[in-house]
Every structure is written in C-alpha cells, then in structure tokens.
Amino acid sequence: MLQIKILGPGCPNCHKVEENARSAVTNMGIQADFEKISDYAEIQKYRILGTPGLVINEKVVCAGRIPDESEIMTWLADAQMEAI
C-alpha cells in the first residue's frame, strides 16, 4: 500500500493537492494511506522550499505548486514499480 503525505498548513492549495491525489488513487483503483502534515517542523524535514508538498512513499514528488491528476497518476505508477 502506498503512503501519501500532503505537506502544508491546510490552505486551499493544500486541499486541492489532496483532492487531486485522492482522485488519482481512486481512478487507478489502488490503495493508499493519506496523511496531512501541517506542523512546520515536520514539513521542514522534507526540505521543500514551498507548500503545498506531495510525498509518495517518503519521496518528495512535488512542492510549491498544484500538480494535476495525470502527473500524480504517473508518480503513483512509478512508486508502485519501485515497491515491487
């Protein structure tokens, strides 16, 4: 099962990243655990310069912008291949 983390303070952009990620997971028919991280000290551990951030299986795949669903689907597929 994939681990997906949304990094950010809970702003509208963070919610949009989560919405796009959940939609990608649903459309791909895969299982994933979602976690929202809003604590600034925790976010800093991922060394991103801006929020929102998207982390899949502890790998930062995007930061500082809102990726579209198709981008997220590509990252999810890559993460699945790496897990095999």
N, C-alpha and C. Protein backbone atom coordinates (compact mmCIF):
# COMPACT_ATOMS: atom_id res chain seq x y z
N MET A 1 0.84 -1.18 0.00
CA MET A 1 0.00 0.00 0.00
C MET A 1 0.88 1.24 0.00
N LEU A 2 0.52 2.21 -0.83
CA LEU A 2 1.30 3.43 -0.92
C LEU A 2 1.00 4.36 0.25
N GLN A 3 2.01 5.12 0.64
CA GLN A 3 1.87 6.12 1.69
C GLN A 3 1.97 7.50 1.04
N ILE A 4 0.92 8.29 1.18
CA ILE A 4 0.87 9.61 0.57
C ILE A 4 0.74 10.66 1.66
N LYS A 5 1.61 11.67 1.59
CA LYS A 5 1.57 12.75 2.56
C LYS A 5 1.37 14.08 1.84
N ILE A 6 0.48 14.88 2.40
CA ILE A 6 0.24 16.23 1.91
C ILE A 6 0.89 17.18 2.90
N LEU A 7 1.84 17.97 2.44
CA LEU A 7 2.56 18.89 3.31
C LEU A 7 2.02 20.30 3.12
N GLY A 8 1.61 20.93 4.19
CA GLY A 8 1.14 22.30 4.10
C GLY A 8 0.27 22.69 5.28
N PRO A 9 0.00 23.98 5.40
CA PRO A 9 -0.73 24.49 6.56
C PRO A 9 -2.24 24.24 6.52
N GLY A 10 -2.74 23.73 5.42
CA GLY A 10 -4.18 23.49 5.32
C GLY A 10 -4.88 24.54 4.46
N CYS A 11 -4.13 25.20 3.63
CA CYS A 11 -4.67 26.24 2.74
C CYS A 11 -5.47 25.60 1.60
N PRO A 12 -6.18 26.41 0.83
CA PRO A 12 -6.94 25.87 -0.31
C PRO A 12 -6.06 25.10 -1.30
N ASN A 13 -4.82 25.53 -1.51
CA ASN A 13 -3.93 24.81 -2.43
C ASN A 13 -3.61 23.42 -1.90
N CYS A 14 -3.42 23.31 -0.58
CA CYS A 14 -3.15 22.01 0.03
C CYS A 14 -4.35 21.08 -0.16
N HIS A 15 -5.53 21.62 0.02
CA HIS A 15 -6.75 20.83 -0.15
C HIS A 15 -6.90 20.36 -1.60
N LYS A 16 -6.50 21.21 -2.56
CA LYS A 16 -6.59 20.84 -3.97
C LYS A 16 -5.61 19.72 -4.30
N VAL A 17 -4.41 19.78 -3.74
CA VAL A 17 -3.42 18.70 -3.96
C VAL A 17 -3.97 17.39 -3.41
N GLU A 18 -4.55 17.44 -2.22
CA GLU A 18 -5.12 16.23 -1.64
C GLU A 18 -6.28 15.71 -2.50
N GLU A 19 -7.13 16.61 -2.95
CA GLU A 19 -8.26 16.21 -3.79
C GLU A 19 -7.78 15.54 -5.08
N ASN A 20 -6.77 16.12 -5.72
CA ASN A 20 -6.22 15.54 -6.95
C ASN A 20 -5.58 14.18 -6.69
N ALA A 21 -4.88 14.06 -5.56
CA ALA A 21 -4.22 12.80 -5.23
C ALA A 21 -5.25 11.71 -4.93
N ARG A 22 -6.27 12.06 -4.18
CA ARG A 22 -7.31 11.07 -3.87
C ARG A 22 -8.04 10.63 -5.14
N SER A 23 -8.29 11.56 -6.03
CA SER A 23 -8.95 11.24 -7.29
C SER A 23 -8.07 10.31 -8.13
N ALA A 24 -6.77 10.58 -8.19
CA ALA A 24 -5.84 9.73 -8.94
C ALA A 24 -5.82 8.32 -8.38
N VAL A 25 -5.77 8.20 -7.06
CA VAL A 25 -5.77 6.88 -6.41
C VAL A 25 -7.05 6.13 -6.74
N THR A 26 -8.17 6.80 -6.65
CA THR A 26 -9.46 6.18 -6.95
C THR A 26 -9.53 5.73 -8.40
N ASN A 27 -9.12 6.60 -9.32
CA ASN A 27 -9.18 6.28 -10.75
C ASN A 27 -8.24 5.16 -11.14
N MET A 28 -7.15 4.99 -10.41
CA MET A 28 -6.22 3.91 -10.69
C MET A 28 -6.63 2.61 -10.00
N GLY A 29 -7.56 2.70 -9.07
CA GLY A 29 -8.01 1.51 -8.36
C GLY A 29 -6.97 0.93 -7.42
N ILE A 30 -6.16 1.80 -6.83
CA ILE A 30 -5.13 1.32 -5.92
C ILE A 30 -5.47 1.75 -4.50
N GLN A 31 -4.73 1.20 -3.54
CA GLN A 31 -4.94 1.55 -2.14
C GLN A 31 -3.79 2.42 -1.67
N ALA A 32 -4.14 3.40 -0.86
CA ALA A 32 -3.12 4.29 -0.32
C ALA A 32 -3.59 4.85 1.02
N ASP A 33 -2.63 5.06 1.90
CA ASP A 33 -2.90 5.74 3.16
C ASP A 33 -2.52 7.20 2.98
N PHE A 34 -3.41 8.09 3.40
CA PHE A 34 -3.17 9.53 3.30
C PHE A 34 -2.87 10.11 4.67
N GLU A 35 -1.95 11.04 4.71
CA GLU A 35 -1.63 11.74 5.94
C GLU A 35 -1.40 13.21 5.61
N LYS A 36 -2.00 14.08 6.40
CA LYS A 36 -1.78 15.52 6.25
C LYS A 36 -0.76 15.95 7.29
N ILE A 37 0.25 16.67 6.84
CA ILE A 37 1.26 17.17 7.76
C ILE A 37 1.24 18.70 7.70
N SER A 38 0.84 19.31 8.80
CA SER A 38 0.74 20.76 8.85
C SER A 38 1.73 21.39 9.83
N ASP A 39 2.40 20.54 10.62
CA ASP A 39 3.39 21.04 11.57
C ASP A 39 4.63 21.52 10.81
N TYR A 40 4.98 22.77 11.02
CA TYR A 40 6.08 23.38 10.27
C TYR A 40 7.40 22.63 10.44
N ALA A 41 7.69 22.19 11.66
CA ALA A 41 8.94 21.46 11.92
C ALA A 41 8.96 20.14 11.14
N GLU A 42 7.83 19.47 11.05
CA GLU A 42 7.74 18.20 10.28
C GLU A 42 7.91 18.48 8.79
N ILE A 43 7.28 19.54 8.30
CA ILE A 43 7.39 19.90 6.88
C ILE A 43 8.84 20.18 6.52
N GLN A 44 9.57 20.88 7.40
CA GLN A 44 10.97 21.21 7.14
C GLN A 44 11.85 19.98 6.96
N LYS A 45 11.48 18.86 7.56
CA LYS A 45 12.26 17.64 7.43
C LYS A 45 12.32 17.15 5.98
N TYR A 46 11.34 17.56 5.17
CA TYR A 46 11.30 17.13 3.77
C TYR A 46 12.06 18.08 2.85
N ARG A 47 12.61 19.15 3.42
CA ARG A 47 13.45 20.09 2.68
C ARG A 47 12.79 20.65 1.42
N ILE A 48 11.54 21.06 1.55
CA ILE A 48 10.87 21.70 0.43
C ILE A 48 10.93 23.21 0.63
N LEU A 49 10.94 23.95 -0.46
CA LEU A 49 11.04 25.40 -0.38
C LEU A 49 9.68 26.08 -0.27
N GLY A 50 8.63 25.39 -0.69
CA GLY A 50 7.30 25.98 -0.62
C GLY A 50 6.24 24.91 -0.53
N THR A 51 5.12 25.29 0.03
CA THR A 51 3.99 24.37 0.12
C THR A 51 2.97 24.76 -0.94
N PRO A 52 2.10 23.88 -1.33
CA PRO A 52 1.92 22.54 -0.81
C PRO A 52 2.99 21.57 -1.32
N GLY A 53 3.15 20.50 -0.57
CA GLY A 53 4.08 19.46 -0.97
C GLY A 53 3.36 18.12 -1.05
N LEU A 54 3.84 17.26 -1.92
CA LEU A 54 3.27 15.92 -2.08
C LEU A 54 4.41 14.91 -1.95
N VAL A 55 4.23 13.97 -1.03
CA VAL A 55 5.23 12.95 -0.77
C VAL A 55 4.58 11.57 -0.98
N ILE A 56 5.23 10.74 -1.78
CA ILE A 56 4.73 9.38 -2.01
C ILE A 56 5.82 8.42 -1.57
N ASN A 57 5.48 7.56 -0.61
CA ASN A 57 6.45 6.60 -0.06
C ASN A 57 7.75 7.28 0.35
N GLU A 58 7.61 8.38 1.09
CA GLU A 58 8.73 9.16 1.64
C GLU A 58 9.61 9.83 0.59
N LYS A 59 9.12 9.95 -0.65
CA LYS A 59 9.85 10.64 -1.70
C LYS A 59 9.06 11.88 -2.09
N VAL A 60 9.68 13.05 -1.98
CA VAL A 60 9.02 14.29 -2.38
C VAL A 60 8.91 14.28 -3.90
N VAL A 61 7.68 14.34 -4.40
CA VAL A 61 7.47 14.33 -5.84
C VAL A 61 7.08 15.70 -6.37
N CYS A 62 6.60 16.57 -5.48
CA CYS A 62 6.17 17.89 -5.93
C CYS A 62 6.14 18.84 -4.74
N ALA A 63 6.51 20.10 -4.99
CA ALA A 63 6.45 21.11 -3.93
C ALA A 63 6.25 22.49 -4.56
N GLY A 64 5.46 23.30 -3.88
CA GLY A 64 5.28 24.67 -4.30
C GLY A 64 4.29 24.91 -5.42
N ARG A 65 3.57 23.88 -5.82
CA ARG A 65 2.57 24.04 -6.87
C ARG A 65 1.52 22.93 -6.75
N ILE A 66 0.47 23.06 -7.56
CA ILE A 66 -0.59 22.06 -7.54
C ILE A 66 -0.45 21.17 -8.78
N PRO A 67 -0.02 19.92 -8.59
CA PRO A 67 0.09 19.02 -9.75
C PRO A 67 -1.29 18.55 -10.20
N ASP A 68 -1.44 18.33 -11.50
CA ASP A 68 -2.73 17.82 -11.96
C ASP A 68 -2.80 16.31 -11.75
N GLU A 69 -3.98 15.79 -11.92
CA GLU A 69 -4.23 14.38 -11.63
C GLU A 69 -3.37 13.45 -12.48
N SER A 70 -3.15 13.79 -13.74
CA SER A 70 -2.37 12.91 -14.61
C SER A 70 -0.91 12.83 -14.15
N GLU A 71 -0.35 13.95 -13.66
CA GLU A 71 1.01 13.93 -13.12
C GLU A 71 1.07 13.00 -11.91
N ILE A 72 0.09 13.14 -11.04
CA ILE A 72 0.06 12.33 -9.83
C ILE A 72 -0.07 10.85 -10.18
N MET A 73 -0.86 10.54 -11.19
CA MET A 73 -1.02 9.14 -11.60
C MET A 73 0.33 8.57 -12.07
N THR A 74 1.12 9.37 -12.75
CA THR A 74 2.45 8.93 -13.19
C THR A 74 3.33 8.63 -11.99
N TRP A 75 3.32 9.53 -11.01
CA TRP A 75 4.14 9.33 -9.80
C TRP A 75 3.67 8.11 -9.02
N LEU A 76 2.36 7.90 -8.97
CA LEU A 76 1.84 6.72 -8.27
C LEU A 76 2.27 5.43 -8.96
N ALA A 77 2.21 5.43 -10.28
CA ALA A 77 2.63 4.25 -11.04
C ALA A 77 4.13 3.99 -10.82
N ASP A 78 4.93 5.04 -10.82
CA ASP A 78 6.37 4.89 -10.56
C ASP A 78 6.61 4.32 -9.17
N ALA A 79 5.87 4.83 -8.19
CA ALA A 79 6.04 4.36 -6.80
C ALA A 79 5.64 2.89 -6.68
N GLN A 80 4.62 2.49 -7.41
CA GLN A 80 4.21 1.07 -7.39
C GLN A 80 5.31 0.20 -7.97
N MET A 81 5.93 0.65 -9.05
CA MET A 81 7.00 -0.13 -9.69
C MET A 81 8.22 -0.23 -8.75
N GLU A 82 8.53 0.84 -8.05
CA GLU A 82 9.67 0.83 -7.13
C GLU A 82 9.42 -0.10 -5.95
N ALA A 83 8.16 -0.27 -5.59
CA ALA A 83 7.81 -1.10 -4.44
C ALA A 83 7.89 -2.59 -4.75
N ILE A 84 7.95 -2.93 -6.02
CA ILE A 84 7.97 -4.34 -6.41
C ILE A 84 9.37 -4.92 -6.24
